[in-house]
Amino acid sequence: PSARTLAAHLAAARVEAKVDDDFYAVQCGKLLMNLTNAVNALSGEYIAPMLMQAPYRRVLAASITEAQAVYEASGVTPKAAHPRDATLLRWFVALLRSPQFFFAATVGRKLKGRGAGHTSMAQDLMAHRVPTEIDFLNGEIVRLGLAHNVPTPVNERLIELVKQAEATNTGSPRINGEDLAKAVGLSLGGRGGRGAGAVVLVAMLAAVAALAMRGPAAQSRL
């Protein structure tokens, strides 16, 4: 049976199902959000506390930014699996890079009650189930980057760090945010000079976050 026929049967059984003609774009959108896996696995933190720490968010934002550049070079526009998630997908990097007080006031309050969760890759490291899916997540970004001459140094380094953890197989290396940022080549300094630009950014994100953080579906993507 066709995908649309299967979706119709599922809908009749009151199971939500959606058919999209551009499945690859949806896969790419899902992969962008799944890049949280490696950062969480290396941190050893629960997802919510990890995201409340700016250095981890900076690393994740850099990883996603590389992926976005790769997809742009390959002519693909990542797409959310559901329209209600489109705003979050579009603005996720901006939210990750937003000032701490703003992130805490918007995304942080939505993470309450989800503090005891780890990503699947983190769970695998902790359970000594190796290898992980790193080659299919960040590895895909690096492969596409090579194919389209787009540098992906942050993702390459994240892969190296995860593979080191796989090799020792002693669980998560529990790298703190500042050390992880340094390990992938990011500088956490130079935060001055934002001035009015930061005010504009916060104002813009305030409007966006009101939409992006609406409902449990948005929370489940973090």
C-alpha atoms as a PDB file:
ATOM      1  CA  PRO A   1       0.000   0.000   0.000  1.00  0.00           C
ATOM      2  CA  SER A   2       1.032   3.584  -0.575  1.00  0.00           C
ATOM      3  CA  ALA A   3       2.107   5.910   2.215  1.00  0.00           C
ATOM      4  CA  ARG A   4      -1.123   7.853   1.843  1.00  0.00           C
ATOM      5  CA  THR A   5      -3.169   4.672   2.168  1.00  0.00           C
ATOM      6  CA  LEU A   6      -1.301   3.705   5.332  1.00  0.00           C
ATOM      7  CA  ALA A   7      -1.775   7.193   6.727  1.00  0.00           C
ATOM      8  CA  ALA A   8      -5.499   6.988   6.030  1.00  0.00           C
ATOM      9  CA  HIS A   9      -5.755   3.664   7.895  1.00  0.00           C
ATOM     10  CA  LEU A  10      -3.827   5.083  10.849  1.00  0.00           C
ATOM     11  CA  ALA A  11      -6.020   8.179  10.895  1.00  0.00           C
ATOM     12  CA  ALA A  12      -9.095   5.949  10.937  1.00  0.00           C
ATOM     13  CA  ALA A  13      -7.650   4.276  14.013  1.00  0.00           C
ATOM     14  CA  ARG A  14      -7.137   7.721  15.579  1.00  0.00           C
ATOM     15  CA  VAL A  15      -3.370   7.543  15.235  1.00  0.00           C
ATOM     16  CA  GLU A  16      -1.843  10.783  13.994  1.00  0.00           C
ATOM     17  CA  ALA A  17      -0.061  10.270  10.683  1.00  0.00           C
ATOM     18  CA  LYS A  18       1.223  12.739   8.129  1.00  0.00           C
ATOM     19  CA  VAL A  19       2.457  12.197   4.589  1.00  0.00           C
ATOM     20  CA  ASP A  20       4.968  14.635   3.154  1.00  0.00           C
ATOM     21  CA  ASP A  21       6.098  14.682  -0.467  1.00  0.00           C
ATOM     22  CA  ASP A  22       9.520  16.023   0.507  1.00  0.00           C
ATOM     23  CA  PHE A  23      10.541  13.320   2.947  1.00  0.00           C
ATOM     24  CA  TYR A  24      14.273  14.037   2.672  1.00  0.00           C
ATOM     25  CA  ALA A  25      13.745  17.650   3.757  1.00  0.00           C
ATOM     26  CA  VAL A  26      11.810  16.377   6.778  1.00  0.00           C
ATOM     27  CA  GLN A  27      14.643  13.969   7.575  1.00  0.00           C
ATOM     28  CA  CYS A  28      17.089  16.875   7.430  1.00  0.00           C
ATOM     29  CA  GLY A  29      14.918  18.906   9.785  1.00  0.00           C
ATOM     30  CA  LYS A  30      14.798  16.021  12.229  1.00  0.00           C
ATOM     31  CA  LEU A  31      18.566  15.571  12.027  1.00  0.00           C
ATOM     32  CA  LEU A  32      19.140  19.253  12.863  1.00  0.00           C
ATOM     33  CA  MET A  33      17.239  18.833  16.115  1.00  0.00           C
ATOM     34  CA  ASN A  34      18.919  15.491  16.824  1.00  0.00           C
ATOM     35  CA  LEU A  35      22.345  17.129  16.874  1.00  0.00           C
ATOM     36  CA  THR A  36      21.569  17.666  20.552  1.00  0.00           C
ATOM     37  CA  ASN A  37      22.541  14.002  20.980  1.00  0.00           C
ATOM     38  CA  ALA A  38      26.321  14.350  20.833  1.00  0.00           C
ATOM     39  CA  VAL A  39      26.510  17.398  23.101  1.00  0.00           C
ATOM     40  CA  ASN A  40      24.309  15.728  25.688  1.00  0.00           C
ATOM     41  CA  ALA A  41      26.261  12.465  25.489  1.00  0.00           C
ATOM     42  CA  LEU A  42      29.547  14.265  26.093  1.00  0.00           C
ATOM     43  CA  SER A  43      28.146  16.363  28.924  1.00  0.00           C
ATOM     44  CA  GLY A  44      26.599  13.554  30.940  1.00  0.00           C
ATOM     45  CA  GLU A  45      24.032  16.117  32.090  1.00  0.00           C
ATOM     46  CA  TYR A  46      20.282  15.754  31.959  1.00  0.00           C
ATOM     47  CA  ILE A  47      18.902  17.590  28.922  1.00  0.00           C
ATOM     48  CA  ALA A  48      17.235  20.442  30.794  1.00  0.00           C
ATOM     49  CA  PRO A  49      20.194  21.381  33.036  1.00  0.00           C
ATOM     50  CA  MET A  50      22.515  21.094  30.040  1.00  0.00           C
ATOM     51  CA  LEU A  51      20.475  23.508  27.954  1.00  0.00           C
ATOM     52  CA  MET A  52      20.377  25.956  30.845  1.00  0.00           C
ATOM     53  CA  GLN A  53      24.173  26.322  30.555  1.00  0.00           C
ATOM     54  CA  ALA A  54      25.240  28.802  27.870  1.00  0.00           C
ATOM     55  CA  PRO A  55      28.513  27.056  26.864  1.00  0.00           C
ATOM     56  CA  TYR A  56      26.690  23.848  25.944  1.00  0.00           C
ATOM     57  CA  ARG A  57      24.130  25.868  24.009  1.00  0.00           C
ATOM     58  CA  ARG A  58      26.916  27.636  22.126  1.00  0.00           C
ATOM     59  CA  VAL A  59      28.417  24.300  21.072  1.00  0.00           C
ATOM     60  CA  LEU A  60      25.045  22.969  19.949  1.00  0.00           C
ATOM     61  CA  ALA A  61      24.291  26.184  18.055  1.00  0.00           C
ATOM     62  CA  ALA A  62      27.649  25.968  16.242  1.00  0.00           C
ATOM     63  CA  SER A  63      27.000  22.344  15.312  1.00  0.00           C
ATOM     64  CA  ILE A  64      23.560  23.165  13.905  1.00  0.00           C
ATOM     65  CA  THR A  65      24.876  26.231  12.067  1.00  0.00           C
ATOM     66  CA  GLU A  66      27.403  24.060  10.231  1.00  0.00           C
ATOM     67  CA  ALA A  67      24.614  21.653   9.319  1.00  0.00           C
ATOM     68  CA  GLN A  68      22.459  24.482   8.006  1.00  0.00           C
ATOM     69  CA  ALA A  69      25.343  25.685   5.812  1.00  0.00           C
ATOM     70  CA  VAL A  70      25.816  22.159   4.471  1.00  0.00           C
ATOM     71  CA  TYR A  71      22.150  21.810   3.602  1.00  0.00           C
ATOM     72  CA  GLU A  72      22.102  25.212   1.943  1.00  0.00           C
ATOM     73  CA  ALA A  73      25.083  24.223  -0.206  1.00  0.00           C
ATOM     74  CA  SER A  74      23.337  20.995  -1.175  1.00  0.00           C
ATOM     75  CA  GLY A  75      20.148  22.814  -2.133  1.00  0.00           C
ATOM     76  CA  VAL A  76      18.008  21.398   0.664  1.00  0.00           C
ATOM     77  CA  THR A  77      15.742  23.390   2.956  1.00  0.00           C
ATOM     78  CA  PRO A  78      15.185  21.382   6.157  1.00  0.00           C
ATOM     79  CA  LYS A  79      11.518  21.028   6.993  1.00  0.00           C
ATOM     80  CA  ALA A  80       9.705  20.343  10.242  1.00  0.00           C
ATOM     81  CA  ALA A  81       7.719  17.116  10.430  1.00  0.00           C
ATOM     82  CA  HIS A  82       4.673  19.081  11.545  1.00  0.00           C
ATOM     83  CA  PRO A  83       3.745  22.705  10.752  1.00  0.00           C
ATOM     84  CA  ARG A  84       3.475  23.492  14.451  1.00  0.00           C
ATOM     85  CA  ASP A  85       7.217  22.805  14.792  1.00  0.00           C
ATOM     86  CA  ALA A  86       8.322  24.958  11.861  1.00  0.00           C
ATOM     87  CA  THR A  87       8.904  28.110  13.916  1.00  0.00           C
ATOM     88  CA  LEU A  88      11.055  26.314  16.465  1.00  0.00           C
ATOM     89  CA  LEU A  89      13.125  24.686  13.710  1.00  0.00           C
ATOM     90  CA  ARG A  90      13.691  28.049  12.062  1.00  0.00           C
ATOM     91  CA  TRP A  91      14.684  29.918  15.208  1.00  0.00           C
ATOM     92  CA  PHE A  92      16.296  27.212  17.325  1.00  0.00           C
ATOM     93  CA  VAL A  93      19.854  28.488  16.824  1.00  0.00           C
ATOM     94  CA  ALA A  94      18.819  32.048  17.687  1.00  0.00           C
ATOM     95  CA  LEU A  95      17.169  30.781  20.864  1.00  0.00           C
ATOM     96  CA  LEU A  96      20.281  28.812  21.802  1.00  0.00           C
ATOM     97  CA  ARG A  97      22.413  31.939  21.355  1.00  0.00           C
ATOM     98  CA  SER A  98      20.024  34.268  23.171  1.00  0.00           C
ATOM     99  CA  PRO A  99      21.072  35.882  26.477  1.00  0.00           C
ATOM    100  CA  GLN A 100      20.868  33.628  29.515  1.00  0.00           C
ATOM    101  CA  PHE A 101      18.068  35.584  31.178  1.00  0.00           C
ATOM    102  CA  PHE A 102      15.963  35.398  28.016  1.00  0.00           C
ATOM    103  CA  PHE A 103      16.563  31.690  27.452  1.00  0.00           C
ATOM    104  CA  ALA A 104      15.727  30.947  31.081  1.00  0.00           C
ATOM    105  CA  ALA A 105      12.535  33.006  30.943  1.00  0.00           C
ATOM    106  CA  THR A 106      11.255  31.417  27.747  1.00  0.00           C
ATOM    107  CA  VAL A 107      12.680  27.985  27.007  1.00  0.00           C
ATOM    108  CA  GLY A 108      13.837  27.291  30.558  1.00  0.00           C
ATOM    109  CA  ARG A 109      10.373  27.363  32.043  1.00  0.00           C
ATOM    110  CA  LYS A 110       9.176  24.939  29.386  1.00  0.00           C
ATOM    111  CA  LEU A 111      11.890  22.465  30.358  1.00  0.00           C
ATOM    112  CA  LYS A 112      10.616  22.103  33.907  1.00  0.00           C
ATOM    113  CA  GLY A 113       9.564  18.537  34.565  1.00  0.00           C
ATOM    114  CA  ARG A 114      11.862  17.181  31.854  1.00  0.00           C
ATOM    115  CA  GLY A 115      15.081  17.384  33.839  1.00  0.00           C
ATOM    116  CA  ALA A 116      15.591  13.637  34.222  1.00  0.00           C
ATOM    117  CA  GLY A 117      15.945  12.873  30.518  1.00  0.00           C
ATOM    118  CA  HIS A 118      19.010  12.038  28.432  1.00  0.00           C
ATOM    119  CA  THR A 119      19.304  11.752  24.673  1.00  0.00           C
ATOM    120  CA  SER A 120      19.546   8.271  23.165  1.00  0.00           C
ATOM    121  CA  MET A 121      23.282   8.650  22.509  1.00  0.00           C
ATOM    122  CA  ALA A 122      23.915   9.626  26.112  1.00  0.00           C
ATOM    123  CA  GLN A 123      21.895   6.618  27.262  1.00  0.00           C
ATOM    124  CA  ASP A 124      23.961   4.347  25.012  1.00  0.00           C
ATOM    125  CA  LEU A 125      27.269   5.609  26.409  1.00  0.00           C
ATOM    126  CA  MET A 126      26.026   5.241  29.966  1.00  0.00           C
ATOM    127  CA  ALA A 127      24.812   1.699  29.268  1.00  0.00           C
ATOM    128  CA  HIS A 128      28.103   0.834  27.498  1.00  0.00           C
ATOM    129  CA  ARG A 129      26.256   0.187  24.239  1.00  0.00           C
ATOM    130  CA  VAL A 130      28.767   1.117  21.577  1.00  0.00           C
ATOM    131  CA  PRO A 131      29.167   2.161  18.876  1.00  0.00           C
ATOM    132  CA  THR A 132      26.595   4.944  19.065  1.00  0.00           C
ATOM    133  CA  GLU A 133      24.697   6.546  16.182  1.00  0.00           C
ATOM    134  CA  ILE A 134      27.226   9.403  15.891  1.00  0.00           C
ATOM    135  CA  ASP A 135      28.167   8.435  12.311  1.00  0.00           C
ATOM    136  CA  PHE A 136      24.545   8.765  11.227  1.00  0.00           C
ATOM    137  CA  LEU A 137      24.002  12.157  12.879  1.00  0.00           C
ATOM    138  CA  ASN A 138      27.033  14.448  13.002  1.00  0.00           C
ATOM    139  CA  GLY A 139      28.774  12.077  10.609  1.00  0.00           C
ATOM    140  CA  GLU A 140      26.169  12.766   7.952  1.00  0.00           C
ATOM    141  CA  ILE A 141      26.839  16.501   8.274  1.00  0.00           C
ATOM    142  CA  VAL A 142      30.580  15.968   7.857  1.00  0.00           C
ATOM    143  CA  ARG A 143      30.074  13.739   4.794  1.00  0.00           C
ATOM    144  CA  LEU A 144      27.820  16.292   3.139  1.00  0.00           C
ATOM    145  CA  GLY A 145      30.267  19.039   4.050  1.00  0.00           C
ATOM    146  CA  LEU A 146      33.082  17.199   2.290  1.00  0.00           C
ATOM    147  CA  ALA A 147      30.882  16.635  -0.752  1.00  0.00           C
ATOM    148  CA  HIS A 148      30.017  20.330  -1.022  1.00  0.00           C
ATOM    149  CA  ASN A 149      33.288  21.872   0.223  1.00  0.00           C
ATOM    150  CA  VAL A 150      31.686  23.246   3.382  1.00  0.00           C
ATOM    151  CA  PRO A 151      33.908  23.138   6.506  1.00  0.00           C
ATOM    152  CA  THR A 152      32.411  21.351   9.525  1.00  0.00           C
ATOM    153  CA  PRO A 153      35.121  21.563  12.223  1.00  0.00           C
ATOM    154  CA  VAL A 154      32.756  21.567  15.206  1.00  0.00           C
ATOM    155  CA  ASN A 155      30.931  18.447  14.063  1.00  0.00           C
ATOM    156  CA  GLU A 156      34.201  16.743  13.198  1.00  0.00           C
ATOM    157  CA  ARG A 157      35.528  17.394  16.690  1.00  0.00           C
ATOM    158  CA  LEU A 158      32.299  16.235  18.325  1.00  0.00           C
ATOM    159  CA  ILE A 159      32.603  12.972  16.399  1.00  0.00           C
ATOM    160  CA  GLU A 160      36.186  12.537  17.583  1.00  0.00           C
ATOM    161  CA  LEU A 161      35.189  13.109  21.199  1.00  0.00           C
ATOM    162  CA  VAL A 162      32.277  10.675  21.031  1.00  0.00           C
ATOM    163  CA  LYS A 163      34.456   8.034  19.385  1.00  0.00           C
ATOM    164  CA  GLN A 164      37.021   8.491  22.143  1.00  0.00           C
ATOM    165  CA  ALA A 165      34.245   7.840  24.660  1.00  0.00           C
ATOM    166  CA  GLU A 166      33.191   4.782  22.669  1.00  0.00           C
ATOM    167  CA  ALA A 167      36.752   3.475  22.686  1.00  0.00           C
ATOM    168  CA  THR A 168      37.117   3.707  26.462  1.00  0.00           C
ATOM    169  CA  ASN A 169      33.505   2.566  26.951  1.00  0.00           C
ATOM    170  CA  THR A 170      33.394   3.876  30.496  1.00  0.00           C
ATOM    171  CA  GLY A 171      30.262   5.972  30.079  1.00  0.00           C
ATOM    172  CA  SER A 172      29.907   9.672  29.411  1.00  0.00           C
ATOM    173  CA  PRO A 173      33.174  11.641  29.685  1.00  0.00           C
ATOM    174  CA  ARG A 174      31.170  14.353  31.475  1.00  0.00           C
ATOM    175  CA  ILE A 175      32.956  17.267  29.813  1.00  0.00           C
ATOM    176  CA  ASN A 176      31.834  20.580  31.281  1.00  0.00           C
ATOM    177  CA  GLY A 177      30.495  23.279  28.991  1.00  0.00           C
ATOM    178  CA  GLU A 178      33.536  25.533  28.970  1.00  0.00           C
ATOM    179  CA  ASP A 179      35.917  22.655  28.270  1.00  0.00           C
ATOM    180  CA  LEU A 180      33.678  21.272  25.534  1.00  0.00           C
ATOM    181  CA  ALA A 181      33.524  24.672  23.848  1.00  0.00           C
ATOM    182  CA  LYS A 182      37.320  24.894  23.910  1.00  0.00           C
ATOM    183  CA  ALA A 183      37.644  21.320  22.656  1.00  0.00           C
ATOM    184  CA  VAL A 184      35.591  22.094  19.549  1.00  0.00           C
ATOM    185  CA  GLY A 185      37.422  25.365  18.915  1.00  0.00           C
ATOM    186  CA  LEU A 186      34.897  27.892  20.188  1.00  0.00           C
ATOM    187  CA  SER A 187      35.785  31.024  22.094  1.00  0.00           C
ATOM    188  CA  LEU A 188      33.390  32.025  24.860  1.00  0.00           C
ATOM    189  CA  GLY A 189      34.874  35.509  25.174  1.00  0.00           C
ATOM    190  CA  GLY A 190      34.105  38.676  23.298  1.00  0.00           C
ATOM    191  CA  ARG A 191      30.554  39.075  24.464  1.00  0.00           C
ATOM    192  CA  GLY A 192      30.682  42.854  24.692  1.00  0.00           C
ATOM    193  CA  GLY A 193      29.492  45.387  22.177  1.00  0.00           C
ATOM    194  CA  ARG A 194      26.026  44.004  21.751  1.00  0.00           C
ATOM    195  CA  GLY A 195      24.283  47.147  22.949  1.00  0.00           C
ATOM    196  CA  ALA A 196      21.170  48.063  21.040  1.00  0.00           C
ATOM    197  CA  GLY A 197      21.579  45.035  18.802  1.00  0.00           C
ATOM    198  CA  ALA A 198      20.965  42.754  21.756  1.00  0.00           C
ATOM    199  CA  VAL A 199      17.813  44.665  22.641  1.00  0.00           C
ATOM    200  CA  VAL A 200      16.510  44.218  19.108  1.00  0.00           C
ATOM    201  CA  LEU A 201      17.415  40.540  19.142  1.00  0.00           C
ATOM    202  CA  VAL A 202      15.635  39.949  22.425  1.00  0.00           C
ATOM    203  CA  ALA A 203      12.555  41.792  21.207  1.00  0.00           C
ATOM    204  CA  MET A 204      12.479  39.678  18.060  1.00  0.00           C
ATOM    205  CA  LEU A 205      12.993  36.435  19.950  1.00  0.00           C
ATOM    206  CA  ALA A 206      10.281  37.334  22.429  1.00  0.00           C
ATOM    207  CA  ALA A 207       7.739  37.340  19.637  1.00  0.00           C
ATOM    208  CA  VAL A 208       9.142  34.195  18.069  1.00  0.00           C
ATOM    209  CA  ALA A 209       9.437  32.249  21.309  1.00  0.00           C
ATOM    210  CA  ALA A 210       5.800  32.913  22.111  1.00  0.00           C
ATOM    211  CA  LEU A 211       4.981  30.812  19.061  1.00  0.00           C
ATOM    212  CA  ALA A 212       7.867  28.360  19.132  1.00  0.00           C
ATOM    213  CA  MET A 213       7.375  27.332  22.738  1.00  0.00           C
ATOM    214  CA  ARG A 214       3.610  26.903  22.496  1.00  0.00           C
ATOM    215  CA  GLY A 215       2.335  23.490  23.500  1.00  0.00           C
ATOM    216  CA  PRO A 216       3.936  20.151  24.398  1.00  0.00           C
ATOM    217  CA  ALA A 217       4.952  19.398  20.809  1.00  0.00           C
ATOM    218  CA  ALA A 218       7.515  22.189  20.864  1.00  0.00           C
ATOM    219  CA  GLN A 219       8.876  21.007  24.200  1.00  0.00           C
ATOM    220  CA  SER A 220       9.389  17.493  22.870  1.00  0.00           C
ATOM    221  CA  ARG A 221      11.757  18.752  20.187  1.00  0.00           C
ATOM    222  CA  LEU A 222      14.333  20.105  22.654  1.00  0.00           C
END
